[in-house]
């Protein structure tokens, strides 16, 4: 299992991005969370197989229809937290 953390930059708050990301992650069988940040960006952390995480990262570039993603800043880790399910956080 691998862990992936990303900051999604652009018009990503107020456009249903978190719910969309949660649904995408669940569809791919990932565990983790997604949340809004005070700086206007969205942060997500996901745990799963590298192939699934790569697909999730690719999808983050698209986002829901009203989003305008400028950048996805990602980090990859071989170690991971023990996380189950995928949730939207504050």
N, C-alpha and C. Protein backbone atom coordinates (compact mmCIF):
# COMPACT_ATOMS: atom_id res chain seq x y z
N UNK A 1 0.84 -1.19 0.00
CA UNK A 1 0.00 0.00 0.00
C UNK A 1 0.88 1.25 0.00
N UNK A 2 0.40 2.26 -0.67
CA UNK A 2 1.11 3.52 -0.80
C UNK A 2 0.18 4.64 -0.34
N UNK A 3 0.77 5.75 0.10
CA UNK A 3 -0.01 6.90 0.52
C UNK A 3 0.31 8.08 -0.41
N UNK A 4 -0.72 8.82 -0.76
CA UNK A 4 -0.62 9.95 -1.68
C UNK A 4 -1.28 11.15 -1.01
N UNK A 5 -0.60 12.29 -1.04
CA UNK A 5 -1.16 13.53 -0.50
C UNK A 5 -1.08 14.57 -1.60
N UNK A 6 -2.15 15.34 -1.78
CA UNK A 6 -2.15 16.36 -2.82
C UNK A 6 -2.85 17.63 -2.34
N UNK A 7 -2.35 18.74 -2.83
CA UNK A 7 -2.99 20.04 -2.68
C UNK A 7 -3.46 20.42 -4.08
N UNK A 8 -4.76 20.64 -4.22
CA UNK A 8 -5.34 20.98 -5.51
C UNK A 8 -5.60 22.48 -5.53
N UNK A 9 -4.99 23.18 -6.48
CA UNK A 9 -5.04 24.64 -6.55
C UNK A 9 -5.91 25.09 -7.72
N UNK A 10 -6.54 26.23 -7.55
CA UNK A 10 -7.40 26.80 -8.58
C UNK A 10 -8.76 27.12 -7.99
N UNK A 11 -9.76 27.13 -8.83
CA UNK A 11 -11.14 27.34 -8.36
C UNK A 11 -11.67 25.97 -7.95
N UNK A 12 -11.46 25.62 -6.68
CA UNK A 12 -11.80 24.28 -6.21
C UNK A 12 -12.67 24.27 -4.96
N UNK A 13 -13.01 25.43 -4.45
CA UNK A 13 -13.93 25.50 -3.32
C UNK A 13 -15.23 26.13 -3.81
N UNK A 14 -16.35 25.63 -3.27
CA UNK A 14 -17.66 26.13 -3.69
C UNK A 14 -18.13 25.55 -5.01
N UNK A 15 -17.48 24.47 -5.47
CA UNK A 15 -17.84 23.85 -6.75
C UNK A 15 -18.07 22.34 -6.60
N UNK A 16 -18.33 21.89 -5.36
CA UNK A 16 -18.59 20.48 -5.06
C UNK A 16 -17.36 19.59 -5.26
N UNK A 17 -16.17 20.18 -5.15
CA UNK A 17 -14.95 19.40 -5.38
C UNK A 17 -14.76 18.28 -4.36
N UNK A 18 -15.01 18.57 -3.09
CA UNK A 18 -14.77 17.55 -2.05
C UNK A 18 -15.67 16.33 -2.25
N UNK A 19 -16.94 16.54 -2.50
CA UNK A 19 -17.85 15.41 -2.72
C UNK A 19 -17.45 14.64 -3.97
N UNK A 20 -17.07 15.36 -5.01
CA UNK A 20 -16.63 14.72 -6.24
C UNK A 20 -15.37 13.88 -5.99
N UNK A 21 -14.41 14.43 -5.26
CA UNK A 21 -13.16 13.70 -4.96
C UNK A 21 -13.45 12.47 -4.11
N UNK A 22 -14.34 12.61 -3.13
CA UNK A 22 -14.73 11.46 -2.30
C UNK A 22 -15.31 10.36 -3.17
N UNK A 23 -16.20 10.71 -4.07
CA UNK A 23 -16.83 9.70 -4.93
C UNK A 23 -15.80 9.04 -5.85
N UNK A 24 -14.88 9.84 -6.39
CA UNK A 24 -13.83 9.28 -7.26
C UNK A 24 -12.95 8.32 -6.48
N UNK A 25 -12.57 8.70 -5.27
CA UNK A 25 -11.71 7.86 -4.44
C UNK A 25 -12.42 6.56 -4.07
N UNK A 26 -13.66 6.66 -3.69
CA UNK A 26 -14.42 5.44 -3.33
C UNK A 26 -14.57 4.52 -4.54
N UNK A 27 -14.83 5.09 -5.70
CA UNK A 27 -14.95 4.29 -6.92
C UNK A 27 -13.65 3.52 -7.20
N UNK A 28 -12.51 4.12 -6.86
CA UNK A 28 -11.21 3.48 -7.09
C UNK A 28 -10.79 2.57 -5.94
N UNK A 29 -11.59 2.51 -4.89
CA UNK A 29 -11.28 1.64 -3.76
C UNK A 29 -10.23 2.19 -2.82
N UNK A 30 -10.11 3.51 -2.74
CA UNK A 30 -9.11 4.15 -1.89
C UNK A 30 -9.69 4.49 -0.52
N UNK A 31 -8.82 4.59 0.45
CA UNK A 31 -9.17 5.07 1.78
C UNK A 31 -8.52 6.44 1.95
N UNK A 32 -9.09 7.29 2.83
CA UNK A 32 -8.48 8.59 3.09
C UNK A 32 -9.49 9.67 3.37
N UNK A 33 -9.14 10.88 2.99
CA UNK A 33 -10.01 12.03 3.24
C UNK A 33 -9.71 13.15 2.26
N UNK A 34 -10.63 14.12 2.22
CA UNK A 34 -10.46 15.34 1.44
C UNK A 34 -11.03 16.48 2.27
N UNK A 35 -10.40 17.66 2.21
CA UNK A 35 -10.89 18.80 2.99
C UNK A 35 -10.52 20.11 2.31
N UNK A 36 -11.30 21.16 2.65
CA UNK A 36 -10.97 22.52 2.23
C UNK A 36 -9.88 23.05 3.13
N UNK A 37 -9.03 23.90 2.55
CA UNK A 37 -7.99 24.57 3.33
C UNK A 37 -8.33 26.05 3.42
N UNK A 38 -7.77 26.71 4.41
CA UNK A 38 -8.03 28.14 4.62
C UNK A 38 -7.52 29.01 3.46
N UNK A 39 -6.54 28.50 2.71
CA UNK A 39 -5.96 29.27 1.60
C UNK A 39 -6.79 29.17 0.31
N UNK A 40 -7.94 28.48 0.37
CA UNK A 40 -8.80 28.38 -0.81
C UNK A 40 -8.55 27.13 -1.65
N UNK A 41 -7.58 26.33 -1.27
CA UNK A 41 -7.27 25.11 -2.00
C UNK A 41 -7.94 23.92 -1.33
N UNK A 42 -7.84 22.77 -1.95
CA UNK A 42 -8.36 21.52 -1.40
C UNK A 42 -7.18 20.58 -1.17
N UNK A 43 -7.21 19.89 -0.04
CA UNK A 43 -6.17 18.93 0.30
C UNK A 43 -6.80 17.54 0.39
N UNK A 44 -6.07 16.54 -0.10
CA UNK A 44 -6.56 15.17 -0.01
C UNK A 44 -5.42 14.23 0.35
N UNK A 45 -5.76 13.20 1.07
CA UNK A 45 -4.81 12.16 1.42
C UNK A 45 -5.50 10.83 1.12
N UNK A 46 -4.80 9.96 0.38
CA UNK A 46 -5.41 8.69 0.00
C UNK A 46 -4.40 7.56 0.15
N UNK A 47 -4.91 6.39 0.49
CA UNK A 47 -4.10 5.19 0.66
C UNK A 47 -4.66 4.11 -0.26
N UNK A 48 -3.77 3.44 -0.98
CA UNK A 48 -4.19 2.36 -1.87
C UNK A 48 -3.03 1.85 -2.69
N UNK A 49 -3.35 1.12 -3.73
CA UNK A 49 -2.33 0.65 -4.66
C UNK A 49 -1.86 1.82 -5.52
N UNK A 50 -0.61 1.77 -5.93
CA UNK A 50 -0.04 2.87 -6.73
C UNK A 50 -0.85 3.12 -8.00
N UNK A 51 -1.31 2.09 -8.65
CA UNK A 51 -2.08 2.25 -9.88
C UNK A 51 -3.38 3.02 -9.63
N UNK A 52 -4.07 2.67 -8.55
CA UNK A 52 -5.31 3.37 -8.20
C UNK A 52 -5.03 4.83 -7.83
N UNK A 53 -3.95 5.05 -7.10
CA UNK A 53 -3.59 6.41 -6.69
C UNK A 53 -3.19 7.26 -7.88
N UNK A 54 -2.52 6.67 -8.84
CA UNK A 54 -2.15 7.40 -10.06
C UNK A 54 -3.40 7.83 -10.82
N UNK A 55 -4.38 6.95 -10.89
CA UNK A 55 -5.65 7.28 -11.53
C UNK A 55 -6.36 8.40 -10.77
N UNK A 56 -6.33 8.35 -9.45
CA UNK A 56 -6.95 9.40 -8.62
C UNK A 56 -6.26 10.74 -8.90
N UNK A 57 -4.95 10.74 -8.94
CA UNK A 57 -4.21 11.98 -9.23
C UNK A 57 -4.62 12.53 -10.59
N UNK A 58 -4.73 11.67 -11.59
CA UNK A 58 -5.16 12.12 -12.92
C UNK A 58 -6.55 12.74 -12.87
N UNK A 59 -7.45 12.12 -12.12
CA UNK A 59 -8.81 12.64 -12.02
C UNK A 59 -8.85 13.98 -11.29
N UNK A 60 -7.96 14.18 -10.33
CA UNK A 60 -7.94 15.46 -9.61
C UNK A 60 -7.69 16.63 -10.56
N UNK A 61 -6.97 16.40 -11.63
CA UNK A 61 -6.72 17.45 -12.62
C UNK A 61 -8.00 17.88 -13.32
N UNK A 62 -8.96 16.99 -13.42
CA UNK A 62 -10.24 17.31 -14.08
C UNK A 62 -11.21 17.96 -13.11
N UNK A 63 -11.46 17.31 -11.99
CA UNK A 63 -12.42 17.82 -11.02
C UNK A 63 -13.83 17.83 -11.57
N UNK A 64 -14.77 18.33 -10.76
CA UNK A 64 -16.16 18.42 -11.22
C UNK A 64 -16.30 19.52 -12.27
N UNK A 65 -17.44 19.59 -12.95
CA UNK A 65 -17.61 20.53 -14.07
C UNK A 65 -17.32 22.00 -13.75
N UNK A 66 -17.65 22.48 -12.56
CA UNK A 66 -17.45 23.91 -12.26
C UNK A 66 -16.05 24.24 -11.75
N UNK A 67 -15.23 23.24 -11.49
CA UNK A 67 -13.87 23.46 -10.99
C UNK A 67 -12.95 23.91 -12.12
N UNK A 68 -11.93 24.65 -11.74
CA UNK A 68 -10.87 25.06 -12.67
C UNK A 68 -9.54 24.79 -11.97
N UNK A 69 -9.00 23.60 -12.20
CA UNK A 69 -7.77 23.18 -11.54
C UNK A 69 -6.57 23.78 -12.26
N UNK A 70 -5.74 24.50 -11.50
CA UNK A 70 -4.51 25.10 -12.03
C UNK A 70 -3.30 24.22 -11.80
N UNK A 71 -3.31 23.52 -10.66
CA UNK A 71 -2.12 22.77 -10.25
C UNK A 71 -2.52 21.69 -9.25
N UNK A 72 -1.83 20.57 -9.31
CA UNK A 72 -1.97 19.52 -8.30
C UNK A 72 -0.57 19.26 -7.76
N UNK A 73 -0.35 19.67 -6.53
CA UNK A 73 0.95 19.46 -5.87
C UNK A 73 0.87 18.15 -5.10
N UNK A 74 1.63 17.16 -5.52
CA UNK A 74 1.48 15.84 -4.91
C UNK A 74 2.77 15.34 -4.26
N UNK A 75 2.57 14.51 -3.26
CA UNK A 75 3.65 13.83 -2.55
C UNK A 75 3.26 12.37 -2.44
N UNK A 76 4.23 11.49 -2.54
CA UNK A 76 4.01 10.05 -2.43
C UNK A 76 4.83 9.50 -1.27
N UNK A 77 4.25 8.55 -0.55
CA UNK A 77 4.92 7.93 0.59
C UNK A 77 4.71 6.42 0.53
N UNK A 78 5.72 5.67 0.86
CA UNK A 78 5.58 4.22 0.92
C UNK A 78 4.96 3.79 2.25
N UNK A 79 5.17 4.56 3.28
CA UNK A 79 4.54 4.27 4.56
C UNK A 79 3.19 4.97 4.59
N UNK A 80 2.29 4.42 5.37
CA UNK A 80 0.97 5.05 5.39
C UNK A 80 0.31 4.89 6.75
N UNK A 81 -0.66 5.76 6.97
CA UNK A 81 -1.48 5.69 8.17
C UNK A 81 -2.49 4.56 8.00
N UNK A 82 -2.97 4.04 9.11
CA UNK A 82 -4.01 3.02 9.07
C UNK A 82 -5.35 3.73 8.93
N UNK A 83 -5.84 3.83 7.71
CA UNK A 83 -7.06 4.57 7.42
C UNK A 83 -8.06 3.63 6.76
N UNK A 84 -9.32 3.74 7.17
CA UNK A 84 -10.38 2.97 6.51
C UNK A 84 -11.44 3.94 6.03
N UNK A 85 -12.07 3.62 4.93
CA UNK A 85 -13.11 4.47 4.36
C UNK A 85 -12.52 5.73 3.74
N UNK A 86 -13.37 6.52 3.12
CA UNK A 86 -12.95 7.80 2.54
C UNK A 86 -14.00 8.82 2.92
N UNK A 87 -13.56 9.93 3.56
CA UNK A 87 -14.51 10.90 4.08
C UNK A 87 -14.16 12.33 3.67
N UNK A 88 -15.20 13.16 3.70
CA UNK A 88 -15.02 14.60 3.53
C UNK A 88 -14.85 15.19 4.91
N UNK A 89 -13.79 15.97 5.07
CA UNK A 89 -13.56 16.67 6.33
C UNK A 89 -13.79 18.15 6.11
N UNK A 90 -14.01 18.89 7.23
CA UNK A 90 -14.21 20.33 7.23
C UNK A 90 -13.56 21.06 6.19
